[in-house]
Amino acid sequence: MNEQNLNYVRNELRRALLDLSGGTKGQLEAFSENPLADKNATPRRCVNLV
């Protein structure tokens, strides 16, 4: 990745994590606390080849 792309990603992450109202969370913060899938409860199983 070049420097321009890295700066764009940094700015977008800051904007996603930013909480200006105090009452809501940024999208990434909400997903980090409540992931869409719990990998510990149902881990992936190995494929059994016959």
Protein backbone atom coordinates (compact mmCIF):
# COMPACT_ATOMS: atom_id res chain seq x y z
CA MET A 1 0.00 0.00 0.00
CA ASN A 2 1.24 3.44 -0.71
CA GLU A 3 1.28 6.35 1.73
CA GLN A 4 -1.92 7.91 0.35
CA ASN A 5 -3.91 4.70 0.87
CA LEU A 6 -2.55 4.29 4.41
CA ASN A 7 -3.56 7.84 5.32
CA TYR A 8 -7.04 7.25 3.89
CA VAL A 9 -7.47 4.08 5.97
CA ARG A 10 -6.24 5.84 9.11
CA ASN A 11 -8.70 8.68 8.61
CA GLU A 12 -11.61 6.32 7.98
CA LEU A 13 -10.77 4.29 11.11
CA ARG A 14 -10.66 7.44 13.21
CA ARG A 15 -14.01 8.54 11.81
CA ALA A 16 -15.57 5.11 12.47
CA LEU A 17 -14.30 5.06 16.07
CA LEU A 18 -15.21 8.66 16.80
CA ASP A 19 -18.06 9.28 19.24
CA LEU A 20 -19.16 12.90 19.15
CA SER A 21 -22.53 12.55 20.86
CA GLY A 22 -21.45 10.56 23.90
CA GLY A 23 -24.59 8.43 23.65
CA THR A 24 -23.65 6.16 20.79
CA LYS A 25 -20.60 4.19 19.76
CA GLY A 26 -18.61 4.10 16.58
CA GLN A 27 -19.23 1.15 14.30
CA LEU A 28 -15.88 -0.55 14.94
CA GLU A 29 -16.14 -0.12 18.70
CA ALA A 30 -19.60 -1.70 18.70
CA PHE A 31 -18.40 -4.68 16.65
CA SER A 32 -15.33 -5.18 18.84
CA GLU A 33 -17.53 -5.49 21.95
CA ASN A 34 -20.25 -7.59 20.29
CA PRO A 35 -18.80 -9.61 17.41
CA LEU A 36 -21.15 -10.98 14.78
CA ALA A 37 -20.06 -14.57 15.44
CA ASP A 38 -18.57 -16.12 18.56
CA LYS A 39 -15.69 -18.27 17.36
CA ASN A 40 -15.00 -19.66 20.83
CA ALA A 41 -18.46 -21.15 21.27
CA THR A 42 -18.51 -22.84 17.86
CA PRO A 43 -14.96 -23.24 16.57
CA ARG A 44 -14.31 -24.44 13.07
CA ARG A 45 -13.80 -28.14 12.74
CA CYS A 46 -11.18 -29.86 10.64
CA VAL A 47 -12.30 -31.32 7.34
CA ASN A 48 -12.29 -35.13 7.46
CA LEU A 49 -11.01 -36.60 4.23
CA VAL A 50 -12.09 -40.13 3.37
